C-alpha atoms as a PDB file:
ATOM      1  CA  MET A   1       0.000   0.000   0.000  1.00  0.00           C
ATOM      2  CA  PRO A   2       1.342   3.469  -0.849  1.00  0.00           C
ATOM      3  CA  THR A   3       2.943   5.505   1.901  1.00  0.00           C
ATOM      4  CA  PRO A   4       0.601   8.230   3.213  1.00  0.00           C
ATOM      5  CA  GLY A   5       1.505  11.668   1.898  1.00  0.00           C
ATOM      6  CA  ILE A   6       3.331  10.371  -1.172  1.00  0.00           C
ATOM      7  CA  ARG A   7       1.403  10.667  -4.398  1.00  0.00           C
ATOM      8  CA  LYS A   8       2.117   8.509  -7.394  1.00  0.00           C
ATOM      9  CA  LEU A   9       1.507   9.301 -11.029  1.00  0.00           C
ATOM     10  CA  TYR A  10      -0.036   5.913 -11.729  1.00  0.00           C
ATOM     11  CA  TYR A  11      -1.613   3.176  -9.636  1.00  0.00           C
ATOM     12  CA  SER A  12      -2.081  -0.466 -10.561  1.00  0.00           C
ATOM     13  CA  ILE A  13      -5.514  -2.072 -10.385  1.00  0.00           C
ATOM     14  CA  ARG A  14      -4.360  -3.900  -7.241  1.00  0.00           C
ATOM     15  CA  GLU A  15      -3.360  -0.619  -5.566  1.00  0.00           C
ATOM     16  CA  VAL A  16      -6.662   1.026  -6.485  1.00  0.00           C
ATOM     17  CA  GLY A  17      -8.437  -1.988  -5.060  1.00  0.00           C
ATOM     18  CA  GLU A  18      -6.508  -1.634  -1.804  1.00  0.00           C
ATOM     19  CA  LEU A  19      -7.220   2.113  -1.625  1.00  0.00           C
ATOM     20  CA  THR A  20     -10.950   1.685  -2.218  1.00  0.00           C
ATOM     21  CA  GLY A  21     -11.675  -1.771  -0.847  1.00  0.00           C
ATOM     22  CA  LEU A  22     -12.868  -2.990  -4.250  1.00  0.00           C
ATOM     23  CA  LYS A  23     -11.917  -6.164  -6.073  1.00  0.00           C
ATOM     24  CA  PRO A  24     -10.244  -5.896  -9.490  1.00  0.00           C
ATOM     25  CA  HIS A  25     -13.180  -7.538 -11.286  1.00  0.00           C
ATOM     26  CA  VAL A  26     -15.472  -4.772  -9.964  1.00  0.00           C
ATOM     27  CA  LEU A  27     -13.113  -2.085 -11.287  1.00  0.00           C
ATOM     28  CA  ARG A  28     -12.940  -3.776 -14.685  1.00  0.00           C
ATOM     29  CA  TYR A  29     -16.740  -4.022 -14.796  1.00  0.00           C
ATOM     30  CA  TRP A  30     -17.144  -0.353 -13.889  1.00  0.00           C
ATOM     31  CA  GLU A  31     -14.859   0.544 -16.808  1.00  0.00           C
ATOM     32  CA  THR A  32     -17.436  -1.010 -19.143  1.00  0.00           C
ATOM     33  CA  GLU A  33     -20.363   0.764 -17.472  1.00  0.00           C
ATOM     34  CA  PHE A  34     -18.956   4.261 -16.855  1.00  0.00           C
ATOM     35  CA  PRO A  35     -17.314   6.115 -19.749  1.00  0.00           C
ATOM     36  CA  GLN A  36     -15.776   8.551 -17.227  1.00  0.00           C
ATOM     37  CA  LEU A  37     -13.557   5.740 -15.940  1.00  0.00           C
ATOM     38  CA  HIS A  38     -10.896   5.006 -18.527  1.00  0.00           C
ATOM     39  CA  PRO A  39      -7.478   4.137 -17.104  1.00  0.00           C
ATOM     40  CA  LYS A  40      -4.597   4.013 -19.543  1.00  0.00           C
ATOM     41  CA  LYS A  41      -3.063   0.675 -20.406  1.00  0.00           C
ATOM     42  CA  ASN A  42       0.647   0.079 -20.824  1.00  0.00           C
ATOM     43  CA  ARG A  43       2.201  -2.029 -23.580  1.00  0.00           C
ATOM     44  CA  ALA A  44       1.619  -5.180 -21.542  1.00  0.00           C
ATOM     45  CA  GLY A  45      -2.077  -4.286 -21.207  1.00  0.00           C
ATOM     46  CA  ASN A  46      -1.919  -3.513 -17.485  1.00  0.00           C
ATOM     47  CA  ARG A  47      -4.174  -0.703 -16.301  1.00  0.00           C
ATOM     48  CA  ALA A  48      -2.505   2.479 -15.035  1.00  0.00           C
ATOM     49  CA  TYR A  49      -4.925   4.557 -12.958  1.00  0.00           C
ATOM     50  CA  THR A  50      -4.225   8.271 -12.419  1.00  0.00           C
ATOM     51  CA  GLU A  51      -5.325  10.276  -9.356  1.00  0.00           C
ATOM     52  CA  ALA A  52      -8.300  11.491 -11.422  1.00  0.00           C
ATOM     53  CA  ASP A  53      -9.275   7.881 -12.200  1.00  0.00           C
ATOM     54  CA  VAL A  54      -9.085   7.001  -8.494  1.00  0.00           C
ATOM     55  CA  GLU A  55     -11.352   9.963  -7.669  1.00  0.00           C
ATOM     56  CA  VAL A  56     -13.862   8.779 -10.284  1.00  0.00           C
ATOM     57  CA  VAL A  57     -13.786   5.307  -8.702  1.00  0.00           C
ATOM     58  CA  ARG A  58     -14.415   6.825  -5.262  1.00  0.00           C
ATOM     59  CA  ARG A  59     -17.267   8.920  -6.628  1.00  0.00           C
ATOM     60  CA  ILE A  60     -18.879   5.900  -8.304  1.00  0.00           C
ATOM     61  CA  GLN A  61     -18.446   3.910  -5.110  1.00  0.00           C
ATOM     62  CA  ALA A  62     -20.139   6.640  -3.059  1.00  0.00           C
ATOM     63  CA  LEU A  63     -23.017   6.925  -5.514  1.00  0.00           C
ATOM     64  CA  LEU A  64     -23.626   3.170  -5.639  1.00  0.00           C
ATOM     65  CA  ARG A  65     -23.007   2.124  -2.069  1.00  0.00           C
ATOM     66  CA  ASP A  66     -23.707   5.184   0.067  1.00  0.00           C
ATOM     67  CA  ASP A  67     -26.314   7.062  -1.956  1.00  0.00           C
ATOM     68  CA  LYS A  68     -27.957   3.818  -3.182  1.00  0.00           C
ATOM     69  CA  TYR A  69     -28.036   4.713  -6.882  1.00  0.00           C
ATOM     70  CA  THR A  70     -28.376   1.995  -9.487  1.00  0.00           C
ATOM     71  CA  ILE A  71     -25.614   1.771 -12.079  1.00  0.00           C
ATOM     72  CA  GLU A  72     -27.834   3.553 -14.596  1.00  0.00           C
ATOM     73  CA  GLY A  73     -28.692   6.260 -12.038  1.00  0.00           C
ATOM     74  CA  ALA A  74     -25.042   6.750 -11.086  1.00  0.00           C
ATOM     75  CA  ARG A  75     -24.136   7.001 -14.791  1.00  0.00           C
ATOM     76  CA  GLN A  76     -26.763   9.725 -15.220  1.00  0.00           C
ATOM     77  CA  VAL A  77     -25.455  11.647 -12.199  1.00  0.00           C
ATOM     78  CA  LEU A  78     -21.917  11.486 -13.585  1.00  0.00           C
ATOM     79  CA  ASP A  79     -23.131  12.582 -17.026  1.00  0.00           C
ATOM     80  CA  ARG A  80     -24.959  15.583 -15.542  1.00  0.00           C
ATOM     81  CA  ASP A  81     -22.228  16.548 -13.091  1.00  0.00           C
ATOM     82  CA  PRO A  82     -18.847  15.286 -14.367  1.00  0.00           C
ATOM     83  CA  ASP A  83     -16.770  17.413 -11.964  1.00  0.00           C
ATOM     84  CA  GLY A  84     -18.632  16.372  -8.835  1.00  0.00           C
ATOM     85  CA  ALA A  85     -19.776  19.896  -8.004  1.00  0.00           C
ATOM     86  CA  HIS A  86     -22.982  18.551  -6.469  1.00  0.00           C
ATOM     87  CA  LEU A  87     -21.709  15.998  -3.997  1.00  0.00           C
ATOM     88  CA  ALA A  88     -24.166  14.226  -1.741  1.00  0.00           C
ATOM     89  CA  PRO A  89     -23.306  14.102   1.989  1.00  0.00           C
ATOM     90  CA  ALA A  90     -22.219  10.464   1.683  1.00  0.00           C
ATOM     91  CA  ALA A  91     -19.867  11.387  -1.164  1.00  0.00           C
ATOM     92  CA  LEU A  92     -18.410  14.217   0.930  1.00  0.00           C
ATOM     93  CA  ALA A  93     -17.582  11.722   3.659  1.00  0.00           C
ATOM     94  CA  ALA A  94     -15.485   9.768   1.149  1.00  0.00           C
ATOM     95  CA  LEU A  95     -13.278  12.782   0.367  1.00  0.00           C
ATOM     96  CA  PRO A  96      -9.902  12.942   2.084  1.00  0.00           C
ATOM     97  CA  ARG A  97      -9.710  15.355   5.015  1.00  0.00           C
ATOM     98  CA  GLN A  98      -7.131  17.567   3.247  1.00  0.00           C
ATOM     99  CA  GLU A  99      -9.518  18.127   0.349  1.00  0.00           C
ATOM    100  CA  LEU A 100     -12.304  19.111   2.722  1.00  0.00           C
ATOM    101  CA  GLU A 101      -9.975  21.542   4.506  1.00  0.00           C
ATOM    102  CA  ARG A 102      -9.024  23.120   1.143  1.00  0.00           C
ATOM    103  CA  LEU A 103     -12.706  23.433   0.277  1.00  0.00           C
ATOM    104  CA  ARG A 104     -13.409  25.069   3.639  1.00  0.00           C
ATOM    105  CA  ALA A 105     -10.560  27.572   3.165  1.00  0.00           C
ATOM    106  CA  PHE A 106     -11.809  28.397  -0.331  1.00  0.00           C
ATOM    107  CA  LEU A 107     -15.342  28.974   0.927  1.00  0.00           C
ATOM    108  CA  ALA A 108     -14.029  31.166   3.757  1.00  0.00           C
ATOM    109  CA  ASP A 109     -12.135  33.268   1.173  1.00  0.00           C
ATOM    110  CA  VAL A 110     -15.299  33.621  -0.899  1.00  0.00           C
ATOM    111  CA  LEU A 111     -17.256  34.692   2.182  1.00  0.00           C
ATOM    112  CA  ARG A 112     -14.638  37.303   3.092  1.00  0.00           C
ATOM    113  CA  GLY A 113     -14.820  38.621  -0.469  1.00  0.00           C
ATOM    114  CA  LEU A 114     -18.571  39.264  -0.246  1.00  0.00           C
END
């Protein structure tokens, strides 16, 4: 498992599975169901997930498991809101603490600017 605080450029399907608690066959299935999830493949055909791909996986996981969307419903939510601007409370809980702190600081800056 990656060392906390160190970010990698690419993650293997095994590493993404460890980060999210998902099995590789679930990740491969989600690739077929969600066009937003498209990890690169190297010459050997191994998937190379970027940070953005991992965030998409976490968002799909939150929509399916926490917010109880069907696959079709989650696909529609991702189509309508590809950047995740409208996150449900369960999806917010899945965000790393640092990201929430950055969001809070940004919102405080906006409030001061008003």
